[in-house]
Amino acid sequence: MNLIAKIKSDRIAAKKNGEQEKAEILTTLLSEVERMEKADRDDDKKVIAVVKKYLKGLEDMISSLALNPMESVDDRMKFNEIAFEQETVMVYLPEQLEGEALTAAVEEAIKESGAESPRDMGKVMKLLKEKYEGNYDGREASEVVKKVLIGG
């Protein structure tokens, strides 16, 4: 089952189980996916990119709410709603490489690419993207690559 089919299936299950808020979130996510070209909808990597973009918008909303003191009940409720939405949508991302797993992937990419210094960082990042696209945070991977290539 591809990712879009999984989201549709989960939306139907949420409706049947009376999870109205979850069903609405998945409907909104599906509408974002529906904006894609029809041919791209079967490509899980492209659907994942839409999910990431959607999550980025939620993260931005959480950040802006967090900057202001949440004094009113409405502010706290909005924050909780967004956090629930984020939690609901995150399950559609592949498991992310973090910590030791990311370091191991970076070290493997460095060996394969023959990188020897920070100037070779582009080679390593390109190889990481080819092998693990969508499975790591780019900024975090960049920091790990720099650290390993510098020898730290």
N, C-alpha and C. Protein backbone atom coordinates (compact mmCIF):
# COMPACT_ATOMS: atom_id res chain seq x y z
N MET A 1 0.84 -1.17 0.00
CA MET A 1 0.00 0.00 0.00
C MET A 1 0.89 1.24 0.00
N ASN A 2 0.63 2.13 -0.97
CA ASN A 2 1.44 3.34 -0.99
C ASN A 2 0.95 4.33 0.07
N LEU A 3 1.69 5.39 0.25
CA LEU A 3 1.44 6.32 1.35
C LEU A 3 0.08 7.01 1.24
N ILE A 4 -0.29 7.44 0.05
CA ILE A 4 -1.57 8.13 -0.10
C ILE A 4 -2.73 7.18 0.21
N ALA A 5 -2.60 5.92 -0.16
CA ALA A 5 -3.63 4.93 0.16
C ALA A 5 -3.72 4.71 1.67
N LYS A 6 -2.56 4.73 2.33
CA LYS A 6 -2.52 4.58 3.79
C LYS A 6 -3.23 5.74 4.48
N ILE A 7 -2.98 6.95 4.00
CA ILE A 7 -3.63 8.13 4.59
C ILE A 7 -5.14 8.05 4.39
N LYS A 8 -5.56 7.67 3.18
CA LYS A 8 -7.00 7.54 2.90
C LYS A 8 -7.63 6.48 3.79
N SER A 9 -6.94 5.36 3.94
CA SER A 9 -7.45 4.28 4.78
C SER A 9 -7.57 4.72 6.23
N ASP A 10 -6.58 5.44 6.71
CA ASP A 10 -6.60 5.94 8.09
C ASP A 10 -7.71 6.96 8.29
N ARG A 11 -7.97 7.76 7.27
CA ARG A 11 -9.06 8.75 7.37
C ARG A 11 -10.40 8.05 7.50
N ILE A 12 -10.60 7.03 6.69
CA ILE A 12 -11.86 6.26 6.75
C ILE A 12 -12.01 5.60 8.12
N ALA A 13 -10.93 5.01 8.61
CA ALA A 13 -10.96 4.36 9.93
C ALA A 13 -11.27 5.38 11.03
N ALA A 14 -10.69 6.58 10.93
CA ALA A 14 -10.94 7.62 11.92
C ALA A 14 -12.41 8.03 11.91
N LYS A 15 -12.98 8.15 10.73
CA LYS A 15 -14.41 8.50 10.63
C LYS A 15 -15.27 7.41 11.26
N LYS A 16 -14.96 6.15 10.96
CA LYS A 16 -15.73 5.03 11.49
C LYS A 16 -15.62 4.94 13.01
N ASN A 17 -14.46 5.31 13.54
CA ASN A 17 -14.22 5.23 14.98
C ASN A 17 -14.66 6.49 15.73
N GLY A 18 -15.25 7.43 15.01
CA GLY A 18 -15.73 8.65 15.65
C GLY A 18 -14.63 9.63 16.02
N GLU A 19 -13.45 9.48 15.42
CA GLU A 19 -12.33 10.39 15.67
C GLU A 19 -12.41 11.54 14.66
N GLN A 20 -13.37 12.42 14.90
CA GLN A 20 -13.67 13.49 13.94
C GLN A 20 -12.48 14.41 13.70
N GLU A 21 -11.79 14.80 14.76
CA GLU A 21 -10.66 15.72 14.63
C GLU A 21 -9.54 15.10 13.77
N LYS A 22 -9.24 13.83 14.03
CA LYS A 22 -8.22 13.14 13.25
C LYS A 22 -8.65 13.02 11.78
N ALA A 23 -9.92 12.70 11.56
CA ALA A 23 -10.43 12.59 10.19
C ALA A 23 -10.31 13.91 9.45
N GLU A 24 -10.60 15.01 10.13
CA GLU A 24 -10.49 16.34 9.51
C GLU A 24 -9.05 16.67 9.17
N ILE A 25 -8.13 16.33 10.06
CA ILE A 25 -6.71 16.57 9.82
C ILE A 25 -6.26 15.80 8.58
N LEU A 26 -6.64 14.53 8.50
CA LEU A 26 -6.24 13.71 7.35
C LEU A 26 -6.89 14.18 6.06
N THR A 27 -8.11 14.70 6.16
CA THR A 27 -8.77 15.26 4.98
C THR A 27 -7.99 16.47 4.48
N THR A 28 -7.55 17.32 5.41
CA THR A 28 -6.75 18.50 5.04
C THR A 28 -5.43 18.07 4.40
N LEU A 29 -4.78 17.08 5.00
CA LEU A 29 -3.52 16.58 4.44
C LEU A 29 -3.74 16.02 3.04
N LEU A 30 -4.81 15.25 2.87
CA LEU A 30 -5.11 14.69 1.55
C LEU A 30 -5.38 15.79 0.52
N SER A 31 -6.02 16.87 0.94
CA SER A 31 -6.27 17.96 -0.01
C SER A 31 -4.96 18.60 -0.45
N GLU A 32 -3.96 18.65 0.46
CA GLU A 32 -2.64 19.14 0.08
C GLU A 32 -1.99 18.21 -0.94
N VAL A 33 -2.14 16.90 -0.73
CA VAL A 33 -1.57 15.91 -1.64
C VAL A 33 -2.28 15.97 -2.99
N GLU A 34 -3.59 16.20 -2.97
CA GLU A 34 -4.38 16.25 -4.21
C GLU A 34 -3.96 17.39 -5.12
N ARG A 35 -3.29 18.40 -4.56
CA ARG A 35 -2.81 19.52 -5.38
C ARG A 35 -1.64 19.12 -6.26
N MET A 36 -1.03 17.98 -5.96
CA MET A 36 0.10 17.50 -6.76
C MET A 36 -0.38 17.04 -8.12
N GLU A 37 0.55 16.95 -9.05
CA GLU A 37 0.24 16.35 -10.33
C GLU A 37 -0.22 14.92 -10.11
N LYS A 38 -1.16 14.47 -10.89
CA LYS A 38 -1.73 13.14 -10.70
C LYS A 38 -0.65 12.04 -10.74
N ALA A 39 0.29 12.16 -11.64
CA ALA A 39 1.34 11.15 -11.79
C ALA A 39 2.25 11.10 -10.56
N ASP A 40 2.40 12.22 -9.86
CA ASP A 40 3.28 12.28 -8.69
C ASP A 40 2.66 11.67 -7.45
N ARG A 41 1.36 11.48 -7.45
CA ARG A 41 0.67 11.00 -6.25
C ARG A 41 1.03 9.56 -5.90
N ASP A 42 1.54 8.81 -6.86
CA ASP A 42 1.94 7.43 -6.58
C ASP A 42 3.39 7.34 -6.12
N ASP A 43 4.10 8.44 -6.16
CA ASP A 43 5.49 8.48 -5.74
C ASP A 43 5.55 8.87 -4.27
N ASP A 44 5.83 7.90 -3.41
CA ASP A 44 5.84 8.14 -1.97
C ASP A 44 6.82 9.24 -1.58
N LYS A 45 7.94 9.35 -2.27
CA LYS A 45 8.91 10.39 -1.94
C LYS A 45 8.32 11.78 -2.13
N LYS A 46 7.51 11.93 -3.18
CA LYS A 46 6.89 13.23 -3.44
C LYS A 46 5.76 13.51 -2.45
N VAL A 47 5.05 12.46 -2.06
CA VAL A 47 4.01 12.62 -1.04
C VAL A 47 4.65 12.97 0.30
N ILE A 48 5.77 12.33 0.62
CA ILE A 48 6.51 12.63 1.85
C ILE A 48 6.94 14.10 1.85
N ALA A 49 7.35 14.61 0.70
CA ALA A 49 7.75 16.02 0.61
C ALA A 49 6.57 16.93 0.96
N VAL A 50 5.37 16.57 0.52
CA VAL A 50 4.17 17.35 0.86
C VAL A 50 3.89 17.26 2.36
N VAL A 51 4.04 16.07 2.93
CA VAL A 51 3.82 15.88 4.36
C VAL A 51 4.82 16.73 5.15
N LYS A 52 6.08 16.74 4.72
CA LYS A 52 7.10 17.54 5.40
C LYS A 52 6.77 19.03 5.32
N LYS A 53 6.32 19.47 4.16
CA LYS A 53 5.96 20.88 4.00
C LYS A 53 4.78 21.23 4.92
N TYR A 54 3.83 20.34 5.01
CA TYR A 54 2.68 20.53 5.88
C TYR A 54 3.14 20.63 7.34
N LEU A 55 4.03 19.72 7.73
CA LEU A 55 4.56 19.73 9.10
C LEU A 55 5.37 20.99 9.38
N LYS A 56 6.09 21.47 8.39
CA LYS A 56 6.87 22.70 8.54
C LYS A 56 5.94 23.87 8.87
N GLY A 57 4.79 23.92 8.21
CA GLY A 57 3.81 24.96 8.50
C GLY A 57 3.31 24.87 9.94
N LEU A 58 3.07 23.64 10.40
CA LEU A 58 2.64 23.44 11.78
C LEU A 58 3.73 23.85 12.77
N GLU A 59 4.97 23.49 12.45
CA GLU A 59 6.09 23.88 13.32
C GLU A 59 6.22 25.39 13.41
N ASP A 60 6.02 26.07 12.28
CA ASP A 60 6.08 27.53 12.27
C ASP A 60 4.98 28.13 13.15
N MET A 61 3.78 27.54 13.09
CA MET A 61 2.68 28.03 13.92
C MET A 61 2.98 27.80 15.40
N ILE A 62 3.54 26.64 15.73
CA ILE A 62 3.90 26.35 17.12
C ILE A 62 4.97 27.32 17.60
N SER A 63 5.96 27.58 16.75
CA SER A 63 7.03 28.52 17.11
C SER A 63 6.48 29.91 17.38
N SER A 64 5.56 30.37 16.54
CA SER A 64 5.02 31.71 16.74
C SER A 64 4.16 31.77 18.00
N LEU A 65 3.44 30.70 18.30
CA LEU A 65 2.67 30.66 19.54
C LEU A 65 3.58 30.61 20.76
N ALA A 66 4.68 29.88 20.64
CA ALA A 66 5.60 29.72 21.76
C ALA A 66 6.33 31.02 22.09
N LEU A 67 6.48 31.91 21.11
CA LEU A 67 7.17 33.18 21.34
C LEU A 67 6.35 34.13 22.22
N ASN A 68 5.04 33.95 22.17
CA ASN A 68 4.16 34.81 22.95
C ASN A 68 3.66 34.05 24.17
N PRO A 69 3.57 34.71 25.30
CA PRO A 69 3.06 34.01 26.48
C PRO A 69 1.62 33.57 26.24
N MET A 70 1.35 32.31 26.54
CA MET A 70 0.01 31.77 26.32
C MET A 70 -0.82 32.00 27.58
N GLU A 71 -1.36 33.19 27.66
CA GLU A 71 -2.10 33.58 28.84
C GLU A 71 -3.56 33.16 28.78
N SER A 72 -4.12 33.16 27.60
CA SER A 72 -5.54 32.83 27.50
C SER A 72 -5.74 31.33 27.27
N VAL A 73 -6.91 30.88 27.61
CA VAL A 73 -7.29 29.48 27.40
C VAL A 73 -7.30 29.18 25.91
N ASP A 74 -7.74 30.15 25.10
CA ASP A 74 -7.78 29.97 23.65
C ASP A 74 -6.39 29.71 23.08
N ASP A 75 -5.39 30.43 23.58
CA ASP A 75 -4.01 30.25 23.11
C ASP A 75 -3.52 28.84 23.42
N ARG A 76 -3.79 28.39 24.64
CA ARG A 76 -3.36 27.04 25.04
C ARG A 76 -4.10 25.97 24.24
N MET A 77 -5.38 26.20 24.00
CA MET A 77 -6.16 25.24 23.20
C MET A 77 -5.63 25.17 21.78
N LYS A 78 -5.33 26.32 21.19
CA LYS A 78 -4.79 26.37 19.83
C LYS A 78 -3.46 25.62 19.76
N PHE A 79 -2.60 25.87 20.76
CA PHE A 79 -1.31 25.19 20.83
C PHE A 79 -1.52 23.67 20.89
N ASN A 80 -2.43 23.22 21.73
CA ASN A 80 -2.70 21.78 21.87
C ASN A 80 -3.29 21.18 20.59
N GLU A 81 -4.14 21.93 19.91
CA GLU A 81 -4.72 21.46 18.65
C GLU A 81 -3.63 21.27 17.59
N ILE A 82 -2.74 22.24 17.50
CA ILE A 82 -1.66 22.16 16.52
C ILE A 82 -0.72 21.00 16.87
N ALA A 83 -0.43 20.83 18.15
CA ALA A 83 0.44 19.73 18.59
C ALA A 83 -0.20 18.38 18.25
N PHE A 84 -1.51 18.26 18.44
CA PHE A 84 -2.21 17.02 18.09
C PHE A 84 -2.16 16.79 16.57
N GLU A 85 -2.36 17.86 15.81
CA GLU A 85 -2.30 17.76 14.35
C GLU A 85 -0.90 17.30 13.91
N GLN A 86 0.11 17.88 14.52
CA GLN A 86 1.49 17.51 14.21
C GLN A 86 1.74 16.03 14.52
N GLU A 87 1.29 15.61 15.68
CA GLU A 87 1.46 14.21 16.10
C GLU A 87 0.73 13.26 15.14
N THR A 88 -0.45 13.67 14.68
CA THR A 88 -1.24 12.85 13.77
C THR A 88 -0.55 12.68 12.42
N VAL A 89 0.05 13.76 11.93
CA VAL A 89 0.64 13.75 10.59
C VAL A 89 2.04 13.12 10.58
N MET A 90 2.77 13.24 11.67
CA MET A 90 4.16 12.74 11.72
C MET A 90 4.27 11.24 11.45
N VAL A 91 3.22 10.50 11.70
CA VAL A 91 3.29 9.05 11.50
C VAL A 91 3.46 8.68 10.03
N TYR A 92 3.25 9.62 9.12
CA TYR A 92 3.37 9.35 7.69
C TYR A 92 4.77 9.63 7.15
N LEU A 93 5.66 10.05 8.03
CA LEU A 93 7.06 10.20 7.62
C LEU A 93 7.79 8.90 7.90
N PRO A 94 8.78 8.58 7.09
CA PRO A 94 9.59 7.39 7.39
C PRO A 94 10.37 7.62 8.68
N GLU A 95 10.78 6.53 9.30
CA GLU A 95 11.57 6.65 10.52
C GLU A 95 12.82 7.46 10.22
N GLN A 96 13.08 8.44 11.06
CA GLN A 96 14.19 9.36 10.82
C GLN A 96 15.49 8.83 11.41
N LEU A 97 16.57 8.99 10.64
CA LEU A 97 17.90 8.65 11.14
C LEU A 97 18.32 9.74 12.12
N GLU A 98 18.70 9.32 13.31
CA GLU A 98 19.15 10.27 14.32
C GLU A 98 20.30 9.65 15.10
N GLY A 99 21.05 10.49 15.77
CA GLY A 99 22.10 10.02 16.66
C GLY A 99 23.09 9.08 16.01
N GLU A 100 23.26 7.92 16.63
CA GLU A 100 24.24 6.95 16.16
C GLU A 100 23.92 6.42 14.76
N ALA A 101 22.63 6.24 14.46
CA ALA A 101 22.24 5.74 13.14
C ALA A 101 22.62 6.74 12.05
N LEU A 102 22.41 8.03 12.33
CA LEU A 102 22.78 9.07 11.37
C LEU A 102 24.29 9.14 11.21
N THR A 103 25.01 9.07 12.31
CA THR A 103 26.47 9.10 12.26
C THR A 103 27.00 7.91 11.45
N ALA A 104 26.42 6.74 11.65
CA ALA A 104 26.84 5.55 10.89
C ALA A 104 26.57 5.73 9.40
N ALA A 105 25.42 6.30 9.05
CA ALA A 105 25.09 6.54 7.65
C ALA A 105 26.05 7.55 7.04
N VAL A 106 26.40 8.59 7.81
CA VAL A 106 27.35 9.60 7.33
C VAL A 106 28.72 8.98 7.13
N GLU A 107 29.18 8.19 8.09
CA GLU A 107 30.50 7.55 7.96
C GLU A 107 30.55 6.63 6.75
N GLU A 108 29.46 5.91 6.50
CA GLU A 108 29.38 5.03 5.33
C GLU A 108 29.44 5.86 4.05
N ALA A 109 28.72 6.97 4.01
CA ALA A 109 28.72 7.84 2.83
C ALA A 109 30.09 8.46 2.60
N ILE A 110 30.78 8.79 3.67
CA ILE A 110 32.14 9.35 3.55
C ILE A 110 33.07 8.32 2.93
N LYS A 111 32.99 7.07 3.40
CA LYS A 111 33.84 6.01 2.84
C LYS A 111 33.53 5.80 1.36
N GLU A 112 32.24 5.70 1.03
CA GLU A 112 31.84 5.44 -0.35
C GLU A 112 32.22 6.57 -1.29
N SER A 113 32.13 7.81 -0.81
CA SER A 113 32.42 8.96 -1.67
C SER A 113 33.91 9.29 -1.73
N GLY A 114 34.67 8.74 -0.79
CA GLY A 114 36.09 9.04 -0.75
C GLY A 114 36.39 10.42 -0.18
N ALA A 115 35.44 11.02 0.50
CA ALA A 115 35.62 12.36 1.07
C ALA A 115 36.71 12.34 2.12
N GLU A 116 37.52 13.41 2.10
CA GLU A 116 38.64 13.48 3.04
C GLU A 116 38.66 14.77 3.86
N SER A 117 37.96 15.79 3.39
CA SER A 117 37.99 17.07 4.09
C SER A 117 36.61 17.74 3.98
N PRO A 118 36.40 18.80 4.74
CA PRO A 118 35.12 19.51 4.66
C PRO A 118 34.79 20.03 3.26
N ARG A 119 35.81 20.18 2.41
CA ARG A 119 35.55 20.61 1.03
C ARG A 119 34.79 19.55 0.24
N ASP A 120 34.85 18.31 0.70
CA ASP A 120 34.15 17.20 0.03
C ASP A 120 32.74 16.98 0.57
N MET A 121 32.27 17.90 1.38
CA MET A 121 30.97 17.75 2.02
C MET A 121 29.84 17.55 1.01
N GLY A 122 29.90 18.23 -0.10
CA GLY A 122 28.87 18.11 -1.14
C GLY A 122 28.72 16.68 -1.64
N LYS A 123 29.85 15.99 -1.83
CA LYS A 123 29.82 14.59 -2.27
C LYS A 123 29.07 13.72 -1.27
N VAL A 124 29.36 13.95 0.00
CA VAL A 124 28.75 13.15 1.06
C VAL A 124 27.25 13.43 1.15
N MET A 125 26.89 14.69 1.11
CA MET A 125 25.47 15.05 1.21
C MET A 125 24.68 14.52 0.01
N LYS A 126 25.31 14.54 -1.17
CA LYS A 126 24.65 14.01 -2.36
C LYS A 126 24.38 12.51 -2.20
N LEU A 127 25.37 11.80 -1.71
CA LEU A 127 25.22 10.35 -1.50
C LEU A 127 24.17 10.07 -0.43
N LEU A 128 24.16 10.83 0.64
CA LEU A 128 23.14 10.67 1.68
C LEU A 128 21.74 10.88 1.10
N LYS A 129 21.62 11.90 0.27
CA LYS A 129 20.31 12.19 -0.32
C LYS A 129 19.86 11.04 -1.22
N GLU A 130 20.78 10.49 -2.00
CA GLU A 130 20.44 9.37 -2.88
C GLU A 130 19.97 8.15 -2.09
N LYS A 131 20.63 7.87 -0.98
CA LYS A 131 20.34 6.66 -0.21
C LYS A 131 19.22 6.82 0.81
N TYR A 132 19.14 8.00 1.42
CA TYR A 132 18.25 8.16 2.58
C TYR A 132 17.30 9.35 2.47
N GLU A 133 17.03 9.81 1.27
CA GLU A 133 16.20 11.00 1.11
C GLU A 133 14.90 10.88 1.92
N GLY A 134 14.63 11.93 2.67
CA GLY A 134 13.41 11.95 3.48
C GLY A 134 13.54 11.27 4.82
N ASN A 135 14.69 10.64 5.07
CA ASN A 135 14.85 9.88 6.31
C ASN A 135 15.79 10.55 7.31
N TYR A 136 16.13 11.81 7.07
CA TYR A 136 17.01 12.52 8.00
C TYR A 136 16.75 14.01 7.90
N ASP A 137 17.14 14.70 8.94
CA ASP A 137 17.06 16.15 8.95
C ASP A 137 18.33 16.68 8.30
N GLY A 138 18.18 17.47 7.25
CA GLY A 138 19.33 17.96 6.48
C GLY A 138 20.32 18.76 7.30
N ARG A 139 19.81 19.62 8.18
CA ARG A 139 20.71 20.43 9.00
C ARG A 139 21.51 19.56 9.96
N GLU A 140 20.83 18.60 10.56
CA GLU A 140 21.51 17.71 11.50
C GLU A 140 22.57 16.89 10.77
N ALA A 141 22.21 16.37 9.59
CA ALA A 141 23.16 15.58 8.81
C ALA A 141 24.37 16.42 8.42
N SER A 142 24.13 17.66 8.03
CA SER A 142 25.21 18.56 7.65
C SER A 142 26.19 18.77 8.81
N GLU A 143 25.65 18.95 10.00
CA GLU A 143 26.49 19.12 11.18
C GLU A 143 27.33 17.87 11.46
N VAL A 144 26.70 16.69 11.32
CA VAL A 144 27.42 15.44 11.56
C VAL A 144 28.52 15.26 10.52
N VAL A 145 28.22 15.55 9.25
CA VAL A 145 29.21 15.43 8.18
C VAL A 145 30.41 16.33 8.49
N LYS A 146 30.13 17.59 8.84
CA LYS A 146 31.22 18.53 9.17
C LYS A 146 32.06 17.97 10.33
N LYS A 147 31.39 17.53 11.36
CA LYS A 147 32.07 17.03 12.55
C LYS A 147 32.97 15.84 12.22
N VAL A 148 32.45 14.91 11.44
CA VAL A 148 33.23 13.70 11.12
C VAL A 148 34.38 14.06 10.18
N LEU A 149 34.14 14.92 9.20
CA LEU A 149 35.21 15.28 8.26
C LEU A 149 36.32 16.12 8.92
N ILE A 150 35.94 16.91 9.90
CA ILE A 150 36.95 17.70 10.61
C ILE A 150 37.72 16.81 11.57
N GLY A 151 37.07 15.72 11.98
CA GLY A 151 37.74 14.80 12.90
C GLY A 151 37.33 15.01 14.34
N GLY A 152 36.15 15.64 14.53
CA GLY A 152 35.69 15.92 15.88
C GLY A 152 34.78 14.88 16.31
